[in-house]
Amino acid sequence: MSEKFTIEHINDPGFFVTGLSVRTINQDGQSQKDIGDLWTRFTAGNLTAEINGKLSDDIYCVYTDYESDHTGWYTAVLGCRVDSPGNVSDGFFAALMPAGKYRVYKPQGKFPESVSNTWKQIWQTAADRKYSADFDQYKAGAKSFEETEVDVYLAVV
């Protein structure tokens, strides 16, 4: 798989994502199970409608609070970008996406396997990761599940 990415700066003070969270690890398929369960809970409960201060219908999956590197524990938050972390609904978690430099990947191929394959590639090749907070942006408005447009943002030094 060839790498397809650009470098972007988030120059505002950063932004917040509010949603469901889980502490997970990329060992033995654990993160795929845990994050898959988050998606099931999030979509089955139509939880986007319950997020206060939501700025759009795009869904974000944030990876933060890294214990070490991609082999250690981290927190995944699945939700929406919000105007303020002070307006968090009960049962939800707010995560900060800090300002900084991000490498943006454009997953190629069939969704959702394309996102999983992109992260596997990142784990093997991205030596300049910051391990501050990374995220996937799932853009609203896809005609079908398989046509979901995703950008993967990786915090880099």
C-alpha atoms as a PDB file:
ATOM      1  CA  MET A   1       0.000   0.000   0.000  1.00  0.00           C
ATOM      2  CA  SER A   2       1.423   3.372  -0.924  1.00  0.00           C
ATOM      3  CA  GLU A   3       1.165   6.198   1.556  1.00  0.00           C
ATOM      4  CA  LYS A   4      -1.181   8.988   0.552  1.00  0.00           C
ATOM      5  CA  PHE A   5      -1.107  11.889   2.971  1.00  0.00           C
ATOM      6  CA  THR A   6      -0.726  15.624   3.391  1.00  0.00           C
ATOM      7  CA  ILE A   7       0.474  17.764   6.299  1.00  0.00           C
ATOM      8  CA  GLU A   8      -1.995  20.201   7.834  1.00  0.00           C
ATOM      9  CA  HIS A   9      -1.821  22.555  10.789  1.00  0.00           C
ATOM     10  CA  ILE A  10      -4.678  23.020  13.207  1.00  0.00           C
ATOM     11  CA  ASN A  11      -3.938  26.640  13.983  1.00  0.00           C
ATOM     12  CA  ASP A  12      -6.920  27.437  16.165  1.00  0.00           C
ATOM     13  CA  PRO A  13      -6.607  26.665  19.875  1.00  0.00           C
ATOM     14  CA  GLY A  14      -7.698  23.140  19.081  1.00  0.00           C
ATOM     15  CA  PHE A  15     -11.173  21.681  19.418  1.00  0.00           C
ATOM     16  CA  PHE A  16     -13.228  19.333  21.551  1.00  0.00           C
ATOM     17  CA  VAL A  17     -15.031  16.094  20.753  1.00  0.00           C
ATOM     18  CA  THR A  18     -17.761  14.761  23.022  1.00  0.00           C
ATOM     19  CA  GLY A  19     -18.942  11.164  22.930  1.00  0.00           C
ATOM     20  CA  LEU A  20     -18.536   7.665  24.326  1.00  0.00           C
ATOM     21  CA  SER A  21     -15.124   6.483  25.483  1.00  0.00           C
ATOM     22  CA  VAL A  22     -13.228   3.288  26.160  1.00  0.00           C
ATOM     23  CA  ARG A  23      -9.723   2.494  27.394  1.00  0.00           C
ATOM     24  CA  THR A  24      -8.171  -0.017  24.994  1.00  0.00           C
ATOM     25  CA  ILE A  25      -4.986  -1.476  23.513  1.00  0.00           C
ATOM     26  CA  ASN A  26      -3.979  -2.591  20.000  1.00  0.00           C
ATOM     27  CA  GLN A  27      -3.042  -6.126  21.114  1.00  0.00           C
ATOM     28  CA  ASP A  28      -4.837  -9.320  20.053  1.00  0.00           C
ATOM     29  CA  GLY A  29      -7.596  -7.398  18.261  1.00  0.00           C
ATOM     30  CA  GLN A  30      -8.745  -5.736  21.501  1.00  0.00           C
ATOM     31  CA  SER A  31      -9.005  -2.206  20.075  1.00  0.00           C
ATOM     32  CA  GLN A  32     -11.022  -3.415  17.072  1.00  0.00           C
ATOM     33  CA  LYS A  33     -13.493  -5.120  19.411  1.00  0.00           C
ATOM     34  CA  ASP A  34     -13.691  -2.194  21.852  1.00  0.00           C
ATOM     35  CA  ILE A  35     -14.014   0.516  19.197  1.00  0.00           C
ATOM     36  CA  GLY A  36     -16.468  -1.653  17.238  1.00  0.00           C
ATOM     37  CA  ASP A  37     -18.590  -1.891  20.394  1.00  0.00           C
ATOM     38  CA  LEU A  38     -18.433   1.924  20.738  1.00  0.00           C
ATOM     39  CA  TRP A  39     -19.710   2.277  17.164  1.00  0.00           C
ATOM     40  CA  THR A  40     -22.557  -0.154  17.864  1.00  0.00           C
ATOM     41  CA  ARG A  41     -23.636   1.700  21.020  1.00  0.00           C
ATOM     42  CA  PHE A  42     -23.220   5.110  19.378  1.00  0.00           C
ATOM     43  CA  THR A  43     -25.180   4.382  16.209  1.00  0.00           C
ATOM     44  CA  ALA A  44     -27.845   2.074  17.697  1.00  0.00           C
ATOM     45  CA  GLY A  45     -28.698   4.702  20.296  1.00  0.00           C
ATOM     46  CA  ASN A  46     -28.631   7.594  17.764  1.00  0.00           C
ATOM     47  CA  LEU A  47     -26.375   9.359  20.266  1.00  0.00           C
ATOM     48  CA  THR A  48     -25.406  12.171  17.897  1.00  0.00           C
ATOM     49  CA  ALA A  49     -28.811  13.683  18.711  1.00  0.00           C
ATOM     50  CA  GLU A  50     -27.932  13.746  22.440  1.00  0.00           C
ATOM     51  CA  ILE A  51     -24.635  15.652  22.141  1.00  0.00           C
ATOM     52  CA  ASN A  52     -24.986  19.228  23.377  1.00  0.00           C
ATOM     53  CA  GLY A  53     -23.338  21.972  21.298  1.00  0.00           C
ATOM     54  CA  LYS A  54     -22.661  19.714  18.304  1.00  0.00           C
ATOM     55  CA  LEU A  55     -21.084  21.658  15.411  1.00  0.00           C
ATOM     56  CA  SER A  56     -21.842  19.164  12.609  1.00  0.00           C
ATOM     57  CA  ASP A  57     -23.001  15.615  11.921  1.00  0.00           C
ATOM     58  CA  ASP A  58     -19.453  14.455  11.175  1.00  0.00           C
ATOM     59  CA  ILE A  59     -18.358  11.705  13.547  1.00  0.00           C
ATOM     60  CA  TYR A  60     -14.891  11.723  15.091  1.00  0.00           C
ATOM     61  CA  CYS A  61     -12.945   8.909  16.698  1.00  0.00           C
ATOM     62  CA  VAL A  62     -10.244  10.440  18.901  1.00  0.00           C
ATOM     63  CA  TYR A  63      -7.260   8.490  20.234  1.00  0.00           C
ATOM     64  CA  THR A  64      -5.701  10.128  23.292  1.00  0.00           C
ATOM     65  CA  ASP A  65      -4.194   9.612  26.750  1.00  0.00           C
ATOM     66  CA  TYR A  66      -1.507   7.319  25.338  1.00  0.00           C
ATOM     67  CA  GLU A  67       0.323   5.245  27.935  1.00  0.00           C
ATOM     68  CA  SER A  68       3.375   4.974  25.656  1.00  0.00           C
ATOM     69  CA  ASP A  69       3.235   4.295  21.913  1.00  0.00           C
ATOM     70  CA  HIS A  70       0.912   2.296  19.620  1.00  0.00           C
ATOM     71  CA  THR A  71       1.613  -0.852  21.657  1.00  0.00           C
ATOM     72  CA  GLY A  72       0.328   0.615  24.951  1.00  0.00           C
ATOM     73  CA  TRP A  73      -3.048   1.559  26.392  1.00  0.00           C
ATOM     74  CA  TYR A  74      -4.940   4.627  25.163  1.00  0.00           C
ATOM     75  CA  THR A  75      -8.432   6.140  25.313  1.00  0.00           C
ATOM     76  CA  ALA A  76     -10.711   6.134  22.265  1.00  0.00           C
ATOM     77  CA  VAL A  77     -13.585   8.644  22.141  1.00  0.00           C
ATOM     78  CA  LEU A  78     -16.317   8.325  19.497  1.00  0.00           C
ATOM     79  CA  GLY A  79     -18.499  11.388  19.093  1.00  0.00           C
ATOM     80  CA  CYS A  80     -18.948  14.801  17.511  1.00  0.00           C
ATOM     81  CA  ARG A  81     -17.051  18.069  17.496  1.00  0.00           C
ATOM     82  CA  VAL A  82     -18.616  20.498  19.973  1.00  0.00           C
ATOM     83  CA  ASP A  83     -18.479  24.206  20.699  1.00  0.00           C
ATOM     84  CA  SER A  84     -17.495  23.785  24.361  1.00  0.00           C
ATOM     85  CA  PRO A  85     -16.370  20.995  26.686  1.00  0.00           C
ATOM     86  CA  GLY A  86     -18.382  22.589  29.491  1.00  0.00           C
ATOM     87  CA  ASN A  87     -21.668  21.410  28.035  1.00  0.00           C
ATOM     88  CA  VAL A  88     -21.075  17.630  28.178  1.00  0.00           C
ATOM     89  CA  SER A  89     -24.196  15.458  28.348  1.00  0.00           C
ATOM     90  CA  ASP A  90     -24.471  12.824  31.081  1.00  0.00           C
ATOM     91  CA  GLY A  91     -22.604   9.631  30.237  1.00  0.00           C
ATOM     92  CA  PHE A  92     -20.358  11.313  27.687  1.00  0.00           C
ATOM     93  CA  PHE A  93     -16.638  12.153  27.743  1.00  0.00           C
ATOM     94  CA  ALA A  94     -14.945  15.241  26.267  1.00  0.00           C
ATOM     95  CA  ALA A  95     -11.547  14.999  24.547  1.00  0.00           C
ATOM     96  CA  LEU A  96      -9.301  17.881  23.460  1.00  0.00           C
ATOM     97  CA  MET A  97      -7.717  17.872  20.029  1.00  0.00           C
ATOM     98  CA  PRO A  98      -4.791  20.259  20.559  1.00  0.00           C
ATOM     99  CA  ALA A  99      -3.532  22.737  17.992  1.00  0.00           C
ATOM    100  CA  GLY A 100      -0.503  21.453  16.130  1.00  0.00           C
ATOM    101  CA  LYS A 101       0.826  19.670  13.083  1.00  0.00           C
ATOM    102  CA  TYR A 102      -1.026  16.640  11.728  1.00  0.00           C
ATOM    103  CA  ARG A 103      -0.309  14.259   8.876  1.00  0.00           C
ATOM    104  CA  VAL A 104      -3.606  13.610   7.111  1.00  0.00           C
ATOM    105  CA  TYR A 105      -4.141  10.210   5.500  1.00  0.00           C
ATOM    106  CA  LYS A 106      -6.852   9.513   2.915  1.00  0.00           C
ATOM    107  CA  PRO A 107      -7.715   5.797   3.307  1.00  0.00           C
ATOM    108  CA  GLN A 108      -8.066   4.007  -0.024  1.00  0.00           C
ATOM    109  CA  GLY A 109     -10.264   0.994  -0.731  1.00  0.00           C
ATOM    110  CA  LYS A 110     -13.422  -0.430   0.780  1.00  0.00           C
ATOM    111  CA  PHE A 111     -14.663   1.106   4.024  1.00  0.00           C
ATOM    112  CA  PRO A 112     -14.215   0.185   6.907  1.00  0.00           C
ATOM    113  CA  GLU A 113     -11.254  -2.078   6.076  1.00  0.00           C
ATOM    114  CA  SER A 114      -9.506   0.899   4.458  1.00  0.00           C
ATOM    115  CA  VAL A 115      -9.310   2.713   7.819  1.00  0.00           C
ATOM    116  CA  SER A 116      -7.994  -0.352   9.625  1.00  0.00           C
ATOM    117  CA  ASN A 117      -5.365  -0.858   6.909  1.00  0.00           C
ATOM    118  CA  THR A 118      -4.323   2.802   7.145  1.00  0.00           C
ATOM    119  CA  TRP A 119      -3.770   2.490  10.910  1.00  0.00           C
ATOM    120  CA  LYS A 120      -1.749  -0.718  10.444  1.00  0.00           C
ATOM    121  CA  GLN A 121       0.442   1.167   7.959  1.00  0.00           C
ATOM    122  CA  ILE A 122       0.834   4.059  10.417  1.00  0.00           C
ATOM    123  CA  TRP A 123       1.926   1.683  13.202  1.00  0.00           C
ATOM    124  CA  GLN A 124       4.689   0.360  10.934  1.00  0.00           C
ATOM    125  CA  THR A 125       5.945   3.602   9.374  1.00  0.00           C
ATOM    126  CA  ALA A 126       5.179   6.715  11.449  1.00  0.00           C
ATOM    127  CA  ALA A 127       8.320   7.247  13.528  1.00  0.00           C
ATOM    128  CA  ASP A 128       7.581  10.959  14.031  1.00  0.00           C
ATOM    129  CA  ARG A 129       4.304  10.550  15.983  1.00  0.00           C
ATOM    130  CA  LYS A 130       3.699  12.808  18.988  1.00  0.00           C
ATOM    131  CA  TYR A 131       1.262  10.452  20.769  1.00  0.00           C
ATOM    132  CA  SER A 132      -0.673  13.477  22.030  1.00  0.00           C
ATOM    133  CA  ALA A 133      -4.027  12.958  20.290  1.00  0.00           C
ATOM    134  CA  ASP A 134      -4.927  11.586  16.856  1.00  0.00           C
ATOM    135  CA  PHE A 135      -8.313  11.262  15.216  1.00  0.00           C
ATOM    136  CA  ASP A 136     -10.419   9.936  12.371  1.00  0.00           C
ATOM    137  CA  GLN A 137     -13.047  12.225  10.836  1.00  0.00           C
ATOM    138  CA  TYR A 138     -16.011  10.355   9.302  1.00  0.00           C
ATOM    139  CA  LYS A 139     -17.767  12.861   7.064  1.00  0.00           C
ATOM    140  CA  ALA A 140     -21.554  13.019   7.162  1.00  0.00           C
ATOM    141  CA  GLY A 141     -23.659  12.571   4.056  1.00  0.00           C
ATOM    142  CA  ALA A 142     -22.386   9.310   2.568  1.00  0.00           C
ATOM    143  CA  LYS A 143     -24.851   7.599   0.215  1.00  0.00           C
ATOM    144  CA  SER A 144     -24.006   4.237   1.785  1.00  0.00           C
ATOM    145  CA  PHE A 145     -21.897   2.837   4.623  1.00  0.00           C
ATOM    146  CA  GLU A 146     -19.227   1.620   2.182  1.00  0.00           C
ATOM    147  CA  GLU A 147     -18.923   5.109   0.662  1.00  0.00           C
ATOM    148  CA  THR A 148     -18.156   6.855   3.952  1.00  0.00           C
ATOM    149  CA  GLU A 149     -15.384   9.416   3.440  1.00  0.00           C
ATOM    150  CA  VAL A 150     -12.727   9.335   6.166  1.00  0.00           C
ATOM    151  CA  ASP A 151      -9.637  11.384   6.935  1.00  0.00           C
ATOM    152  CA  VAL A 152      -7.116  10.088   9.492  1.00  0.00           C
ATOM    153  CA  TYR A 153      -5.208  12.826  11.368  1.00  0.00           C
ATOM    154  CA  LEU A 154      -1.930  11.810  12.996  1.00  0.00           C
ATOM    155  CA  ALA A 155      -0.200  14.265  15.369  1.00  0.00           C
ATOM    156  CA  VAL A 156       3.442  14.588  14.310  1.00  0.00           C
ATOM    157  CA  VAL A 157       6.490  16.474  15.613  1.00  0.00           C
END
